[in-house]
């Protein structure tokens, strides 16, 4: 995983499913395939990273649980060690 860029967003805290939707919708709008995204949050419910874990077909996306956890674990590691 490589840090590519900083994403600017209005809400700095995810307090409800609608907050999460508003944050993620910019990443998935206009996509013609299923995508599974992971948004890692810190202890204050502020987004740390947003990663595309799987890109599937028109109506499904297969993913192994280790891919979900990998994204979350690596995002926490980068916060602790200031990865760039």
PDB file of N, CA and C in Angstrom:
ATOM      1  N   UNK A   1       0.834  -1.171   0.000  1.00  0.00           N
ATOM      2  CA  UNK A   1       0.000   0.000   0.000  1.00  0.00           C
ATOM      3  C   UNK A   1       0.879   1.234   0.000  1.00  0.00           C
ATOM      4  N   UNK A   2       0.522   2.186  -0.827  1.00  0.00           N
ATOM      5  CA  UNK A   2       1.300   3.407  -0.979  1.00  0.00           C
ATOM      6  C   UNK A   2       0.389   4.594  -0.717  1.00  0.00           C
ATOM      7  N   UNK A   3       0.880   5.557   0.041  1.00  0.00           N
ATOM      8  CA  UNK A   3       0.117   6.775   0.269  1.00  0.00           C
ATOM      9  C   UNK A   3       0.176   7.594  -1.011  1.00  0.00           C
ATOM     10  N   UNK A   4      -0.994   7.817  -1.618  1.00  0.00           N
ATOM     11  CA  UNK A   4      -1.024   8.504  -2.898  1.00  0.00           C
ATOM     12  C   UNK A   4      -1.348   9.982  -2.781  1.00  0.00           C
ATOM     13  N   UNK A   5      -2.330  10.326  -1.986  1.00  0.00           N
ATOM     14  CA  UNK A   5      -2.691  11.732  -1.879  1.00  0.00           C
ATOM     15  C   UNK A   5      -3.552  11.952  -0.646  1.00  0.00           C
ATOM     16  N   UNK A   6      -3.801  13.193  -0.351  1.00  0.00           N
ATOM     17  CA  UNK A   6      -4.649  13.565   0.771  1.00  0.00           C
ATOM     18  C   UNK A   6      -6.033  13.873   0.215  1.00  0.00           C
ATOM     19  N   UNK A   7      -7.046  13.339   0.869  1.00  0.00           N
ATOM     20  CA  UNK A   7      -8.418  13.589   0.463  1.00  0.00           C
ATOM     21  C   UNK A   7      -9.011  14.623   1.397  1.00  0.00           C
ATOM     22  N   UNK A   8      -9.549  15.686   0.831  1.00  0.00           N
ATOM     23  CA  UNK A   8     -10.202  16.707   1.639  1.00  0.00           C
ATOM     24  C   UNK A   8     -11.692  16.414   1.675  1.00  0.00           C
ATOM     25  N   UNK A   9     -12.305  16.545   2.823  1.00  0.00           N
ATOM     26  CA  UNK A   9     -13.720  16.289   2.986  1.00  0.00           C
ATOM     27  C   UNK A   9     -14.257  17.224   4.051  1.00  0.00           C
ATOM     28  N   UNK A  10     -15.548  17.491   3.978  1.00  0.00           N
ATOM     29  CA  UNK A  10     -16.153  18.457   4.900  1.00  0.00           C
ATOM     30  C   UNK A  10     -16.216  17.923   6.317  1.00  0.00           C
ATOM     31  N   UNK A  11     -16.833  16.772   6.490  1.00  0.00           N
ATOM     32  CA  UNK A  11     -17.015  16.228   7.828  1.00  0.00           C
ATOM     33  C   UNK A  11     -15.751  15.558   8.326  1.00  0.00           C
ATOM     34  N   UNK A  12     -15.288  15.929   9.500  1.00  0.00           N
ATOM     35  CA  UNK A  12     -14.078  15.328  10.062  1.00  0.00           C
ATOM     36  C   UNK A  12     -14.412  14.194  11.009  1.00  0.00           C
ATOM     37  N   UNK A  13     -15.701  13.858  11.160  1.00  0.00           N
ATOM     38  CA  UNK A  13     -16.099  12.803  12.083  1.00  0.00           C
ATOM     39  C   UNK A  13     -17.247  12.005  11.479  1.00  0.00           C
ATOM     40  N   UNK A  14     -17.174  10.686  11.635  1.00  0.00           N
ATOM     41  CA  UNK A  14     -18.243   9.813  11.166  1.00  0.00           C
ATOM     42  C   UNK A  14     -19.117   9.492  12.370  1.00  0.00           C
ATOM     43  N   UNK A  15     -20.302  10.067  12.410  1.00  0.00           N
ATOM     44  CA  UNK A  15     -21.193   9.860  13.536  1.00  0.00           C
ATOM     45  C   UNK A  15     -22.426   9.044  13.200  1.00  0.00           C
ATOM     46  N   UNK A  16     -22.626   8.769  11.899  1.00  0.00           N
ATOM     47  CA  UNK A  16     -23.814   8.023  11.487  1.00  0.00           C
ATOM     48  C   UNK A  16     -23.545   7.381  10.130  1.00  0.00           C
ATOM     49  N   UNK A  17     -24.378   6.430   9.733  1.00  0.00           N
ATOM     50  CA  UNK A  17     -24.211   5.829   8.406  1.00  0.00           C
ATOM     51  C   UNK A  17     -24.298   6.862   7.275  1.00  0.00           C
ATOM     52  N   UNK A  18     -25.113   7.881   7.442  1.00  0.00           N
ATOM     53  CA  UNK A  18     -25.213   8.899   6.392  1.00  0.00           C
ATOM     54  C   UNK A  18     -23.914   9.703   6.266  1.00  0.00           C
ATOM     55  N   UNK A  19     -23.210   9.926   7.369  1.00  0.00           N
ATOM     56  CA  UNK A  19     -21.907  10.595   7.307  1.00  0.00           C
ATOM     57  C   UNK A  19     -20.917   9.753   6.512  1.00  0.00           C
ATOM     58  N   UNK A  20     -20.928   8.448   6.766  1.00  0.00           N
ATOM     59  CA  UNK A  20     -20.035   7.539   6.037  1.00  0.00           C
ATOM     60  C   UNK A  20     -20.389   7.534   4.557  1.00  0.00           C
ATOM     61  N   UNK A  21     -21.671   7.483   4.244  1.00  0.00           N
ATOM     62  CA  UNK A  21     -22.106   7.499   2.847  1.00  0.00           C
ATOM     63  C   UNK A  21     -21.646   8.775   2.148  1.00  0.00           C
ATOM     64  N   UNK A  22     -21.832   9.913   2.792  1.00  0.00           N
ATOM     65  CA  UNK A  22     -21.439  11.185   2.178  1.00  0.00           C
ATOM     66  C   UNK A  22     -19.936  11.253   1.922  1.00  0.00           C
ATOM     67  N   UNK A  23     -19.146  10.625   2.777  1.00  0.00           N
ATOM     68  CA  UNK A  23     -17.703  10.601   2.588  1.00  0.00           C
ATOM     69  C   UNK A  23     -17.310   9.690   1.434  1.00  0.00           C
ATOM     70  N   UNK A  24     -17.928   8.522   1.346  1.00  0.00           N
ATOM     71  CA  UNK A  24     -17.539   7.493   0.379  1.00  0.00           C
ATOM     72  C   UNK A  24     -18.141   7.704  -1.006  1.00  0.00           C
ATOM     73  N   UNK A  25     -19.283   8.374  -1.100  1.00  0.00           N
ATOM     74  CA  UNK A  25     -19.988   8.434  -2.385  1.00  0.00           C
ATOM     75  C   UNK A  25     -19.152   9.040  -3.509  1.00  0.00           C
ATOM     76  N   UNK A  26     -18.256   9.934  -3.198  1.00  0.00           N
ATOM     77  CA  UNK A  26     -17.394  10.517  -4.223  1.00  0.00           C
ATOM     78  C   UNK A  26     -16.451   9.504  -4.850  1.00  0.00           C
ATOM     79  N   UNK A  27     -16.136   8.449  -4.111  1.00  0.00           N
ATOM     80  CA  UNK A  27     -15.235   7.421  -4.616  1.00  0.00           C
ATOM     81  C   UNK A  27     -15.948   6.415  -5.506  1.00  0.00           C
ATOM     82  N   UNK A  28     -17.246   6.208  -5.282  1.00  0.00           N
ATOM     83  CA  UNK A  28     -17.944   5.147  -6.002  1.00  0.00           C
ATOM     84  C   UNK A  28     -18.949   5.653  -7.030  1.00  0.00           C
ATOM     85  N   UNK A  29     -19.222   6.936  -7.057  1.00  0.00           N
ATOM     86  CA  UNK A  29     -20.162   7.469  -8.045  1.00  0.00           C
ATOM     87  C   UNK A  29     -19.641   7.235  -9.452  1.00  0.00           C
ATOM     88  N   UNK A  30     -20.507   6.790 -10.303  1.00  0.00           N
ATOM     89  CA  UNK A  30     -20.151   6.608 -11.703  1.00  0.00           C
ATOM     90  C   UNK A  30     -19.431   5.307 -12.003  1.00  0.00           C
ATOM     91  N   UNK A  31     -19.179   4.502 -10.998  1.00  0.00           N
ATOM     92  CA  UNK A  31     -18.510   3.229 -11.228  1.00  0.00           C
ATOM     93  C   UNK A  31     -19.487   2.238 -11.832  1.00  0.00           C
ATOM     94  N   UNK A  32     -19.032   1.479 -12.808  1.00  0.00           N
ATOM     95  CA  UNK A  32     -19.894   0.484 -13.434  1.00  0.00           C
ATOM     96  C   UNK A  32     -19.637  -0.918 -12.878  1.00  0.00           C
ATOM     97  N   UNK A  33     -18.839  -0.997 -11.804  1.00  0.00           N
ATOM     98  CA  UNK A  33     -18.541  -2.276 -11.175  1.00  0.00           C
ATOM     99  C   UNK A  33     -18.741  -2.163  -9.676  1.00  0.00           C
ATOM    100  N   UNK A  34     -18.975  -3.322  -9.049  1.00  0.00           N
ATOM    101  CA  UNK A  34     -19.043  -3.364  -7.590  1.00  0.00           C
ATOM    102  C   UNK A  34     -17.662  -3.066  -7.021  1.00  0.00           C
ATOM    103  N   UNK A  35     -17.606  -2.251  -5.996  1.00  0.00           N
ATOM    104  CA  UNK A  35     -16.350  -1.955  -5.315  1.00  0.00           C
ATOM    105  C   UNK A  35     -16.561  -2.076  -3.819  1.00  0.00           C
ATOM    106  N   UNK A  36     -15.591  -2.644  -3.148  1.00  0.00           N
ATOM    107  CA  UNK A  36     -15.626  -2.728  -1.693  1.00  0.00           C
ATOM    108  C   UNK A  36     -14.535  -1.815  -1.157  1.00  0.00           C
ATOM    109  N   UNK A  37     -14.941  -0.818  -0.396  1.00  0.00           N
ATOM    110  CA  UNK A  37     -14.006   0.133   0.183  1.00  0.00           C
ATOM    111  C   UNK A  37     -13.941  -0.055   1.690  1.00  0.00           C
ATOM    112  N   UNK A  38     -12.774   0.190   2.257  1.00  0.00           N
ATOM    113  CA  UNK A  38     -12.585   0.163   3.708  1.00  0.00           C
ATOM    114  C   UNK A  38     -12.186   1.563   4.133  1.00  0.00           C
ATOM    115  N   UNK A  39     -12.916   2.094   5.087  1.00  0.00           N
ATOM    116  CA  UNK A  39     -12.589   3.392   5.671  1.00  0.00           C
ATOM    117  C   UNK A  39     -12.140   3.138   7.107  1.00  0.00           C
ATOM    118  N   UNK A  40     -10.856   3.327   7.369  1.00  0.00           N
ATOM    119  CA  UNK A  40     -10.323   3.124   8.722  1.00  0.00           C
ATOM    120  C   UNK A  40     -10.513   4.408   9.517  1.00  0.00           C
ATOM    121  N   UNK A  41     -10.992   4.252  10.750  1.00  0.00           N
ATOM    122  CA  UNK A  41     -11.253   5.393  11.624  1.00  0.00           C
ATOM    123  C   UNK A  41     -10.323   5.357  12.829  1.00  0.00           C
ATOM    124  N   UNK A  42     -10.022   6.534  13.363  1.00  0.00           N
ATOM    125  CA  UNK A  42      -9.250   6.582  14.601  1.00  0.00           C
ATOM    126  C   UNK A  42     -10.217   6.506  15.790  1.00  0.00           C
ATOM    127  N   UNK A  43      -9.722   6.698  16.991  1.00  0.00           N
ATOM    128  CA  UNK A  43     -10.562   6.567  18.180  1.00  0.00           C
ATOM    129  C   UNK A  43     -11.582   7.697  18.324  1.00  0.00           C
ATOM    130  N   UNK A  44     -11.423   8.760  17.539  1.00  0.00           N
ATOM    131  CA  UNK A  44     -12.381   9.869  17.557  1.00  0.00           C
ATOM    132  C   UNK A  44     -13.361   9.783  16.391  1.00  0.00           C
ATOM    133  N   UNK A  45     -13.407   8.622  15.718  1.00  0.00           N
ATOM    134  CA  UNK A  45     -14.265   8.379  14.548  1.00  0.00           C
ATOM    135  C   UNK A  45     -13.945   9.308  13.389  1.00  0.00           C
ATOM    136  N   UNK A  46     -12.684   9.686  13.266  1.00  0.00           N
ATOM    137  CA  UNK A  46     -12.236  10.480  12.129  1.00  0.00           C
ATOM    138  C   UNK A  46     -11.539   9.552  11.140  1.00  0.00           C
ATOM    139  N   UNK A  47     -11.828   9.704   9.847  1.00  0.00           N
ATOM    140  CA  UNK A  47     -11.213   8.828   8.847  1.00  0.00           C
ATOM    141  C   UNK A  47      -9.694   8.981   8.796  1.00  0.00           C
ATOM    142  N   UNK A  48      -9.006   7.839   8.772  1.00  0.00           N
ATOM    143  CA  UNK A  48      -7.558   7.807   8.608  1.00  0.00           C
ATOM    144  C   UNK A  48      -7.226   7.538   7.150  1.00  0.00           C
ATOM    145  N   UNK A  49      -7.810   6.461   6.618  1.00  0.00           N
ATOM    146  CA  UNK A  49      -7.580   6.085   5.219  1.00  0.00           C
ATOM    147  C   UNK A  49      -8.858   5.541   4.612  1.00  0.00           C
ATOM    148  N   UNK A  50      -8.918   5.609   3.292  1.00  0.00           N
ATOM    149  CA  UNK A  50      -9.982   4.973   2.516  1.00  0.00           C
ATOM    150  C   UNK A  50      -9.283   4.157   1.442  1.00  0.00           C
ATOM    151  N   UNK A  51      -9.526   2.845   1.460  1.00  0.00           N
ATOM    152  CA  UNK A  51      -8.855   1.943   0.520  1.00  0.00           C
ATOM    153  C   UNK A  51      -9.874   1.146  -0.281  1.00  0.00           C
ATOM    154  N   UNK A  52      -9.600   0.977  -1.563  1.00  0.00           N
ATOM    155  CA  UNK A  52     -10.389   0.062  -2.388  1.00  0.00           C
ATOM    156  C   UNK A  52      -9.802  -1.323  -2.175  1.00  0.00           C
ATOM    157  N   UNK A  53     -10.590  -2.222  -1.601  1.00  0.00           N
ATOM    158  CA  UNK A  53     -10.126  -3.560  -1.276  1.00  0.00           C
ATOM    159  C   UNK A  53     -10.410  -4.528  -2.417  1.00  0.00           C
ATOM    160  N   UNK A  54     -11.542  -4.355  -3.082  1.00  0.00           N
ATOM    161  CA  UNK A  54     -11.920  -5.283  -4.141  1.00  0.00           C
ATOM    162  C   UNK A  54     -12.733  -4.564  -5.203  1.00  0.00           C
ATOM    163  N   UNK A  55     -12.457  -4.891  -6.450  1.00  0.00           N
ATOM    164  CA  UNK A  55     -13.268  -4.430  -7.578  1.00  0.00           C
ATOM    165  C   UNK A  55     -13.797  -5.672  -8.255  1.00  0.00           C
ATOM    166  N   UNK A  56     -15.099  -5.763  -8.338  1.00  0.00           N
ATOM    167  CA  UNK A  56     -15.729  -6.966  -8.865  1.00  0.00           C
ATOM    168  C   UNK A  56     -16.306  -6.753 -10.247  1.00  0.00           C
ATOM    169  N   UNK A  57     -17.425  -7.421 -10.479  1.00  0.00           N
ATOM    170  CA  UNK A  57     -18.111  -7.346 -11.761  1.00  0.00           C
ATOM    171  C   UNK A  57     -19.289  -6.396 -11.629  1.00  0.00           C
ATOM    172  N   UNK A  58     -20.225  -6.525 -12.524  1.00  0.00           N
ATOM    173  CA  UNK A  58     -21.385  -5.645 -12.526  1.00  0.00           C
ATOM    174  C   UNK A  58     -22.196  -5.739 -11.231  1.00  0.00           C
ATOM    175  N   UNK A  59     -22.331  -6.959 -10.686  1.00  0.00           N
ATOM    176  CA  UNK A  59     -23.210  -7.106  -9.530  1.00  0.00           C
ATOM    177  C   UNK A  59     -22.627  -7.899  -8.358  1.00  0.00           C
ATOM    178  N   UNK A  60     -21.327  -8.185  -8.334  1.00  0.00           N
ATOM    179  CA  UNK A  60     -20.747  -8.828  -7.162  1.00  0.00           C
ATOM    180  C   UNK A  60     -19.266  -8.522  -7.050  1.00  0.00           C
ATOM    181  N   UNK A  61     -18.767  -8.729  -5.842  1.00  0.00           N
ATOM    182  CA  UNK A  61     -17.358  -8.488  -5.564  1.00  0.00           C
ATOM    183  C   UNK A  61     -16.911  -9.496  -4.511  1.00  0.00           C
ATOM    184  N   UNK A  62     -15.948 -10.334  -4.864  1.00  0.00           N
ATOM    185  CA  UNK A  62     -15.445 -11.331  -3.931  1.00  0.00           C
ATOM    186  C   UNK A  62     -14.259 -10.748  -3.169  1.00  0.00           C
ATOM    187  N   UNK A  63     -14.245 -11.008  -1.861  1.00  0.00           N
ATOM    188  CA  UNK A  63     -13.137 -10.522  -1.045  1.00  0.00           C
ATOM    189  C   UNK A  63     -12.913 -11.493   0.106  1.00  0.00           C
ATOM    190  N   UNK A  64     -11.666 -11.688   0.444  1.00  0.00           N
ATOM    191  CA  UNK A  64     -11.318 -12.521   1.592  1.00  0.00           C
ATOM    192  C   UNK A  64     -11.179 -11.610   2.807  1.00  0.00           C
ATOM    193  N   UNK A  65     -11.596 -12.075   3.985  1.00  0.00           N
ATOM    194  CA  UNK A  65     -11.504 -11.226   5.186  1.00  0.00           C
ATOM    195  C   UNK A  65     -10.098 -10.685   5.454  1.00  0.00           C
ATOM    196  N   UNK A  66      -9.062 -11.430   5.079  1.00  0.00           N
ATOM    197  CA  UNK A  66      -7.701 -10.951   5.341  1.00  0.00           C
ATOM    198  C   UNK A  66      -7.402  -9.650   4.593  1.00  0.00           C
ATOM    199  N   UNK A  67      -8.049  -9.461   3.433  1.00  0.00           N
ATOM    200  CA  UNK A  67      -7.849  -8.216   2.684  1.00  0.00           C
ATOM    201  C   UNK A  67      -8.446  -7.029   3.425  1.00  0.00           C
ATOM    202  N   UNK A  68      -9.577  -7.238   4.081  1.00  0.00           N
ATOM    203  CA  UNK A  68     -10.182  -6.162   4.884  1.00  0.00           C
ATOM    204  C   UNK A  68      -9.289  -5.787   6.054  1.00  0.00           C
ATOM    205  N   UNK A  69      -8.824  -6.811   6.770  1.00  0.00           N
ATOM    206  CA  UNK A  69      -7.988  -6.557   7.936  1.00  0.00           C
ATOM    207  C   UNK A  69      -6.631  -5.985   7.551  1.00  0.00           C
ATOM    208  N   UNK A  70      -6.109  -6.397   6.412  1.00  0.00           N
ATOM    209  CA  UNK A  70      -4.813  -5.886   5.954  1.00  0.00           C
ATOM    210  C   UNK A  70      -4.870  -4.373   5.787  1.00  0.00           C
ATOM    211  N   UNK A  71      -5.924  -3.894   5.145  1.00  0.00           N
ATOM    212  CA  UNK A  71      -6.068  -2.451   4.932  1.00  0.00           C
ATOM    213  C   UNK A  71      -6.142  -1.701   6.258  1.00  0.00           C
ATOM    214  N   UNK A  72      -6.899  -2.239   7.205  1.00  0.00           N
ATOM    215  CA  UNK A  72      -7.044  -1.574   8.506  1.00  0.00           C
ATOM    216  C   UNK A  72      -5.744  -1.606   9.296  1.00  0.00           C
ATOM    217  N   UNK A  73      -5.069  -2.750   9.295  1.00  0.00           N
ATOM    218  CA  UNK A  73      -3.819  -2.874  10.054  1.00  0.00           C
ATOM    219  C   UNK A  73      -2.739  -1.972   9.484  1.00  0.00           C
ATOM    220  N   UNK A  74      -2.609  -1.934   8.177  1.00  0.00           N
ATOM    221  CA  UNK A  74      -1.589  -1.090   7.566  1.00  0.00           C
ATOM    222  C   UNK A  74      -1.888   0.395   7.760  1.00  0.00           C
ATOM    223  N   UNK A  75      -3.146   0.773   7.779  1.00  0.00           N
ATOM    224  CA  UNK A  75      -3.470   2.187   8.003  1.00  0.00           C
ATOM    225  C   UNK A  75      -3.100   2.601   9.417  1.00  0.00           C
ATOM    226  N   UNK A  76      -3.298   1.730  10.399  1.00  0.00           N
ATOM    227  CA  UNK A  76      -2.913   2.037  11.771  1.00  0.00           C
ATOM    228  C   UNK A  76      -1.403   2.103  11.907  1.00  0.00           C
ATOM    229  N   UNK A  77      -0.697   1.214  11.223  1.00  0.00           N
ATOM    230  CA  UNK A  77       0.764   1.210  11.262  1.00  0.00           C
ATOM    231  C   UNK A  77       1.312   2.528  10.726  1.00  0.00           C
ATOM    232  N   UNK A  78       0.716   3.031   9.670  1.00  0.00           N
ATOM    233  CA  UNK A  78       1.200   4.287   9.096  1.00  0.00           C
ATOM    234  C   UNK A  78       0.950   5.464  10.026  1.00  0.00           C
ATOM    235  N   UNK A  79      -0.114   5.422  10.794  1.00  0.00           N
ATOM    236  CA  UNK A  79      -0.364   6.489  11.758  1.00  0.00           C
ATOM    237  C   UNK A  79       0.685   6.452  12.862  1.00  0.00           C
ATOM    238  N   UNK A  80       0.994   5.260  13.359  1.00  0.00           N
ATOM    239  CA  UNK A  80       1.965   5.128  14.458  1.00  0.00           C
ATOM    240  C   UNK A  80       3.378   5.475  14.040  1.00  0.00           C
ATOM    241  N   UNK A  81       3.756   5.164  12.789  1.00  0.00           N
ATOM    242  CA  UNK A  81       5.116   5.368  12.339  1.00  0.00           C
ATOM    243  C   UNK A  81       5.275   6.501  11.344  1.00  0.00           C
ATOM    244  N   UNK A  82       4.211   7.281  11.118  1.00  0.00           N
ATOM    245  CA  UNK A  82       4.238   8.424  10.194  1.00  0.00           C
ATOM    246  C   UNK A  82       4.743   8.032   8.810  1.00  0.00           C
ATOM    247  N   UNK A  83       4.148   7.011   8.224  1.00  0.00           N
ATOM    248  CA  UNK A  83       4.512   6.587   6.873  1.00  0.00           C
ATOM    249  C   UNK A  83       4.129   7.669   5.874  1.00  0.00           C
ATOM    250  N   UNK A  84       4.918   7.791   4.821  1.00  0.00           N
ATOM    251  CA  UNK A  84       4.581   8.736   3.747  1.00  0.00           C
ATOM    252  C   UNK A  84       4.618   8.041   2.427  1.00  0.00           C
TER     253      UNK A  84
END
